[in-house]
């Protein structure tokens, strides 16, 4: 292995004397480098959109979105997956984050886990992958053995395989049906891929899951109408969303939310005048797509 051939492992000429800078100069340099990340993603937008389309198609056919990675990349995948149920009301088994080393690796560095290709095979066997699943490998270098093994298993199962990497011509890029290669350049601190590479991965993951959920009708306008009122903050957010979407008072929103138990159903009832079980029946008819359900009653 020659790390010098990996873009994220090369030295950044703009930061060679960063250890001689003041605190303000250091954070200014970091900020300037960070601004290069969204620019680098721009070139990959068509592929990101293509992968979103495959994710939507898969989820509409009872498939799953599965992220796989090690270290920072794995943690970011788990983070994105774990945010989908409270934000968009997805079942916990629909968007899955797998990290080399398991849950322990979320809090503790298990650096050797990324080399365990055999464990990746076992982890994929547990998932029982299908042709409707979309598996996305994440790695700055594009060469992580655990992630490569998982991607190969997914290919064998007929699943769609994507990747998010930060180095051109990697093995993961070659394996993926839809590779996303974000060339955000050398890190501020050589090889510290939790920085620019990690930021780029987080931004792309945000795009993939958010765009897919919008396409699936889990957003009305720009309101997260599938939010789960599972704590005080989210309950208040649900009420505020109903107020905004249905143009009603907070009291009316609270009553509808209590009656129907869901933000989406409450809005449908208040906007269209539908009552009782018919509200849920219409939502089911349009696969939970609120805008389509409302338009059907107009």
Protein backbone atom coordinates (compact mmCIF):
# COMPACT_ATOMS: atom_id res chain seq x y z
CA UNK A 1 0.00 0.00 0.00
CA UNK A 2 1.35 3.42 -0.98
CA UNK A 3 -0.47 6.08 1.03
CA UNK A 4 1.19 8.83 -0.99
CA UNK A 5 -1.00 7.84 -3.95
CA UNK A 6 -4.12 8.63 -1.93
CA UNK A 7 -5.16 12.27 -2.25
CA UNK A 8 -6.28 12.64 1.36
CA UNK A 9 -2.90 11.36 2.58
CA UNK A 10 -0.80 13.91 0.68
CA UNK A 11 0.55 17.06 2.35
CA UNK A 12 -1.36 20.28 1.94
CA UNK A 13 0.98 23.04 0.69
CA UNK A 14 -1.24 25.70 2.25
CA UNK A 15 -0.78 24.37 5.79
CA UNK A 16 2.86 23.29 6.02
CA UNK A 17 3.59 25.98 8.62
CA UNK A 18 0.30 25.85 10.49
CA UNK A 19 2.11 24.93 13.70
CA UNK A 20 3.67 28.39 13.73
CA UNK A 21 0.38 30.29 13.49
CA UNK A 22 -1.76 32.04 16.08
CA UNK A 23 -5.12 30.58 17.04
CA UNK A 24 -6.95 33.04 14.80
CA UNK A 25 -4.66 32.25 11.88
CA UNK A 26 -5.15 28.50 12.40
CA UNK A 27 -8.94 28.65 12.43
CA UNK A 28 -8.89 31.02 9.44
CA UNK A 29 -6.84 28.50 7.45
CA UNK A 30 -9.18 25.68 8.45
CA UNK A 31 -12.19 27.75 7.44
CA UNK A 32 -10.67 28.59 4.07
CA UNK A 33 -9.97 24.92 3.38
CA UNK A 34 -13.48 23.92 4.48
CA UNK A 35 -14.97 26.27 1.91
CA UNK A 36 -13.46 24.11 -0.83
CA UNK A 37 -15.64 21.16 0.15
CA UNK A 38 -19.05 22.22 -1.23
CA UNK A 39 -17.34 23.37 -4.43
CA UNK A 40 -15.88 19.89 -4.87
CA UNK A 41 -19.31 18.31 -4.41
CA UNK A 42 -20.80 20.38 -7.25
CA UNK A 43 -19.25 18.17 -9.94
CA UNK A 44 -20.84 15.09 -8.39
CA UNK A 45 -24.43 16.39 -8.23
CA UNK A 46 -25.64 14.40 -11.29
CA UNK A 47 -24.38 11.15 -9.74
CA UNK A 48 -25.83 12.06 -6.36
CA UNK A 49 -29.20 12.65 -8.03
CA UNK A 50 -28.90 9.33 -9.87
CA UNK A 51 -28.27 7.55 -6.59
CA UNK A 52 -31.24 9.33 -5.00
CA UNK A 53 -33.45 7.95 -7.79
CA UNK A 54 -32.24 4.42 -7.07
CA UNK A 55 -32.80 4.88 -3.34
CA UNK A 56 -36.37 6.08 -3.91
CA UNK A 57 -37.07 3.17 -6.25
CA UNK A 58 -35.67 0.73 -3.72
CA UNK A 59 -37.57 2.11 -0.73
CA UNK A 60 -40.81 2.14 -2.73
CA UNK A 61 -40.31 -1.62 -3.22
CA UNK A 62 -39.67 -2.39 0.47
CA UNK A 63 -35.92 -2.20 0.03
CA UNK A 64 -33.50 -0.57 2.44
CA UNK A 65 -30.85 2.12 2.36
CA UNK A 66 -27.69 0.76 3.98
CA UNK A 67 -24.55 2.75 4.77
CA UNK A 68 -21.30 0.92 5.46
CA UNK A 69 -18.00 2.37 6.64
CA UNK A 70 -15.22 2.29 9.21
CA UNK A 71 -14.05 4.96 11.64
CA UNK A 72 -15.27 8.46 10.84
CA UNK A 73 -16.98 7.28 7.65
CA UNK A 74 -18.87 4.58 9.51
CA UNK A 75 -19.92 6.96 12.27
CA UNK A 76 -21.28 9.44 9.74
CA UNK A 77 -23.34 6.71 8.07
CA UNK A 78 -24.76 5.60 11.41
CA UNK A 79 -25.53 9.23 12.28
CA UNK A 80 -27.48 9.82 9.06
CA UNK A 81 -29.40 6.56 9.45
CA UNK A 82 -30.27 7.23 13.09
CA UNK A 83 -31.72 10.65 12.25
CA UNK A 84 -34.22 9.31 9.70
CA UNK A 85 -36.81 7.77 12.10
CA UNK A 86 -37.38 10.87 14.28
CA UNK A 87 -37.18 13.29 11.34
CA UNK A 88 -39.10 11.40 8.67
CA UNK A 89 -40.93 8.66 10.54
CA UNK A 90 -39.08 5.87 8.76
CA UNK A 91 -39.06 2.38 10.30
CA UNK A 92 -35.77 1.71 12.09
CA UNK A 93 -35.00 -1.15 9.71
CA UNK A 94 -35.45 0.98 6.54
CA UNK A 95 -32.30 3.12 6.76
CA UNK A 96 -29.40 1.28 8.37
CA UNK A 97 -25.90 2.34 9.34
CA UNK A 98 -23.23 -0.36 9.67
CA UNK A 99 -19.82 0.47 11.15
CA UNK A 100 -16.82 -1.86 11.23
CA UNK A 101 -16.44 -3.06 14.81
CA UNK A 102 -20.12 -2.64 15.65
CA UNK A 103 -21.65 -0.19 18.11
CA UNK A 104 -18.53 -0.18 20.30
CA UNK A 105 -16.67 1.50 17.44
CA UNK A 106 -19.05 4.45 17.62
CA UNK A 107 -17.42 5.59 20.86
CA UNK A 108 -14.04 3.90 20.87
CA UNK A 109 -11.39 3.63 18.12
CA UNK A 110 -11.20 0.06 16.83
CA UNK A 111 -8.78 0.73 14.01
CA UNK A 112 -8.15 -2.93 13.21
CA UNK A 113 -11.85 -3.49 12.47
CA UNK A 114 -11.55 -1.76 9.09
CA UNK A 115 -9.31 -4.56 7.81
CA UNK A 116 -11.72 -7.38 8.75
CA UNK A 117 -13.23 -8.37 5.41
CA UNK A 118 -14.53 -11.67 6.84
CA UNK A 119 -16.56 -9.86 9.49
CA UNK A 120 -18.10 -7.70 6.78
CA UNK A 121 -19.31 -10.84 5.01
CA UNK A 122 -20.90 -12.03 8.26
CA UNK A 123 -22.51 -8.64 8.88
CA UNK A 124 -24.00 -8.64 5.38
CA UNK A 125 -25.32 -12.19 5.79
CA UNK A 126 -27.30 -11.03 8.81
CA UNK A 127 -28.98 -8.35 6.68
CA UNK A 128 -30.10 -10.83 3.98
CA UNK A 129 -29.56 -8.35 1.16
CA UNK A 130 -31.99 -8.19 -1.77
CA UNK A 131 -32.12 -6.59 -5.22
CA UNK A 132 -34.25 -3.76 -3.82
CA UNK A 133 -31.61 -2.68 -1.31
CA UNK A 134 -29.17 0.17 -1.92
CA UNK A 135 -25.84 -0.18 -0.14
CA UNK A 136 -23.46 2.78 -0.01
CA UNK A 137 -19.85 2.30 1.03
CA UNK A 138 -18.13 5.30 2.59
CA UNK A 139 -14.36 5.80 2.82
CA UNK A 140 -12.02 8.71 2.17
CA UNK A 141 -9.37 6.48 0.62
CA UNK A 142 -11.78 4.18 -1.22
CA UNK A 143 -9.70 1.17 -0.16
CA UNK A 144 -11.09 0.04 3.24
CA UNK A 145 -11.17 -3.80 3.22
CA UNK A 146 -14.26 -4.08 5.45
CA UNK A 147 -16.27 -1.72 3.25
CA UNK A 148 -15.05 -3.28 0.00
CA UNK A 149 -16.10 -6.70 1.25
CA UNK A 150 -19.58 -5.41 2.16
CA UNK A 151 -19.95 -3.79 -1.25
CA UNK A 152 -18.96 -7.04 -3.00
CA UNK A 153 -21.51 -8.98 -0.97
CA UNK A 154 -24.18 -6.48 -1.96
CA UNK A 155 -23.25 -6.86 -5.63
CA UNK A 156 -23.62 -10.63 -5.36
CA UNK A 157 -27.10 -10.15 -3.89
CA UNK A 158 -28.12 -7.94 -6.81
CA UNK A 159 -28.43 -4.79 -4.70
CA UNK A 160 -27.57 -1.36 -6.08
CA UNK A 161 -24.12 -0.36 -4.81
CA UNK A 162 -22.95 3.20 -4.43
CA UNK A 163 -19.98 4.78 -2.73
CA UNK A 164 -18.80 8.10 -1.34
CA UNK A 165 -15.01 8.41 -1.60
CA UNK A 166 -12.48 11.22 -1.75
CA UNK A 167 -9.81 9.70 -3.99
CA UNK A 168 -9.94 8.99 -7.72
CA UNK A 169 -9.51 5.50 -9.21
CA UNK A 170 -10.04 3.63 -5.95
CA UNK A 171 -11.23 0.04 -5.69
CA UNK A 172 -14.52 1.19 -4.20
CA UNK A 173 -15.09 3.48 -7.17
CA UNK A 174 -14.54 0.53 -9.51
CA UNK A 175 -16.98 -1.71 -7.62
CA UNK A 176 -19.81 0.80 -7.26
CA UNK A 177 -22.66 1.02 -9.75
CA UNK A 178 -22.90 4.72 -8.91
CA UNK A 179 -19.65 6.11 -7.46
CA UNK A 180 -19.53 9.56 -5.90
CA UNK A 181 -15.96 10.87 -5.84
CA UNK A 182 -15.53 14.16 -4.00
CA UNK A 183 -12.01 15.48 -4.56
CA UNK A 184 -11.76 17.99 -1.75
CA UNK A 185 -7.95 17.86 -1.68
CA UNK A 186 -5.35 17.22 1.01
CA UNK A 187 -6.39 17.68 4.62
CA UNK A 188 -5.29 20.61 6.80
CA UNK A 189 -3.52 18.01 8.95
CA UNK A 190 -2.13 15.32 6.67
CA UNK A 191 -4.30 12.21 6.73
CA UNK A 192 -6.85 13.60 9.23
CA UNK A 193 -9.83 12.58 7.13
CA UNK A 194 -12.32 13.47 9.82
CA UNK A 195 -11.89 17.03 8.52
CA UNK A 196 -12.57 17.93 4.86
CA UNK A 197 -13.24 14.36 3.72
CA UNK A 198 -15.59 13.77 6.64
CA UNK A 199 -17.34 17.07 5.99
CA UNK A 200 -17.87 16.16 2.34
CA UNK A 201 -19.28 12.77 3.31
CA UNK A 202 -21.70 14.36 5.77
CA UNK A 203 -22.91 16.84 3.15
CA UNK A 204 -23.47 14.11 0.55
CA UNK A 205 -25.26 11.90 3.06
CA UNK A 206 -27.51 14.84 3.95
CA UNK A 207 -28.36 15.22 0.27
CA UNK A 208 -29.04 11.53 -0.32
CA UNK A 209 -31.38 10.92 2.61
CA UNK A 210 -33.10 14.32 2.48
CA UNK A 211 -33.73 14.26 -1.26
CA UNK A 212 -35.00 10.68 -1.07
CA UNK A 213 -37.41 11.53 1.75
CA UNK A 214 -38.68 14.57 -0.15
CA UNK A 215 -39.30 12.39 -3.20
CA UNK A 216 -41.15 9.88 -1.03
CA UNK A 217 -43.57 12.57 0.17
CA UNK A 218 -42.24 12.94 3.69
CA UNK A 219 -41.95 16.70 3.22
CA UNK A 220 -44.81 19.13 2.52
CA UNK A 221 -43.43 22.33 1.05
CA UNK A 222 -40.33 22.46 3.20
CA UNK A 223 -42.03 21.15 6.35
CA UNK A 224 -41.06 17.79 7.86
CA UNK A 225 -44.61 16.51 8.15
CA UNK A 226 -43.56 12.99 9.13
CA UNK A 227 -41.79 14.22 12.27
CA UNK A 228 -42.45 11.89 15.20
CA UNK A 229 -43.70 13.76 18.31
CA UNK A 230 -41.63 11.56 20.63
CA UNK A 231 -40.47 14.25 23.07
CA UNK A 232 -41.50 17.74 24.19
CA UNK A 233 -39.48 19.56 21.52
CA UNK A 234 -40.68 17.36 18.66
CA UNK A 235 -44.28 17.56 19.87
CA UNK A 236 -44.10 21.35 19.81
CA UNK A 237 -42.46 21.19 16.37
CA UNK A 238 -45.32 19.00 15.12
CA UNK A 239 -47.88 21.51 16.40
CA UNK A 240 -46.04 24.42 14.80
CA UNK A 241 -45.88 22.54 11.49
CA UNK A 242 -49.64 21.94 11.59
CA UNK A 243 -50.26 25.62 12.34
CA UNK A 244 -48.07 26.63 9.40
CA UNK A 245 -49.33 24.07 6.88
CA UNK A 246 -53.05 24.27 7.69
CA UNK A 247 -53.18 27.96 8.63
CA UNK A 248 -54.94 27.25 11.92
CA UNK A 249 -54.52 28.29 15.54
CA UNK A 250 -52.26 26.45 17.95
CA UNK A 251 -55.33 25.22 19.82
CA UNK A 252 -56.79 23.75 16.65
CA UNK A 253 -53.46 22.14 15.83
CA UNK A 254 -53.21 20.57 19.29
CA UNK A 255 -56.74 19.15 19.01
CA UNK A 256 -56.12 17.65 15.56
CA UNK A 257 -52.77 16.17 16.58
CA UNK A 258 -54.35 14.56 19.64
CA UNK A 259 -57.20 13.17 17.55
CA UNK A 260 -55.19 11.73 14.68
CA UNK A 261 -51.85 11.02 16.34
CA UNK A 262 -49.86 12.16 13.33
CA UNK A 263 -48.81 15.52 11.96
CA UNK A 264 -49.63 14.49 8.40
CA UNK A 265 -53.13 13.21 9.20
CA UNK A 266 -53.92 16.29 11.25
CA UNK A 267 -52.96 18.58 8.36
CA UNK A 268 -54.98 16.56 5.85
CA UNK A 269 -58.08 16.77 8.03
CA UNK A 270 -57.75 20.48 8.72
CA UNK A 271 -57.03 21.44 5.10
CA UNK A 272 -59.63 19.23 3.40
CA UNK A 273 -62.32 18.73 6.03
CA UNK A 274 -61.94 14.95 5.96
CA UNK A 275 -62.85 13.30 9.25
CA UNK A 276 -62.29 10.06 11.13
CA UNK A 277 -60.88 6.96 9.52
CA UNK A 278 -61.26 8.45 6.05
CA UNK A 279 -58.24 10.67 6.78
CA UNK A 280 -55.95 7.67 7.18
CA UNK A 281 -57.56 5.84 4.27
CA UNK A 282 -56.83 8.70 1.88
CA UNK A 283 -53.24 8.98 3.13
CA UNK A 284 -52.77 5.25 2.63
CA UNK A 285 -54.23 5.53 -0.87
CA UNK A 286 -51.45 7.96 -1.77
CA UNK A 287 -48.72 6.09 0.13
CA UNK A 288 -48.51 8.81 2.75
CA UNK A 289 -47.79 11.55 0.20
CA UNK A 290 -49.59 14.49 1.83
CA UNK A 291 -49.57 16.90 -1.10
CA UNK A 292 -51.05 14.30 -3.45
CA UNK A 293 -53.67 13.38 -0.82
CA UNK A 294 -54.68 17.03 -0.40
CA UNK A 295 -54.81 17.63 -4.15
CA UNK A 296 -57.08 14.62 -4.57
CA UNK A 297 -59.71 16.33 -2.40
CA UNK A 298 -59.61 19.70 -4.14
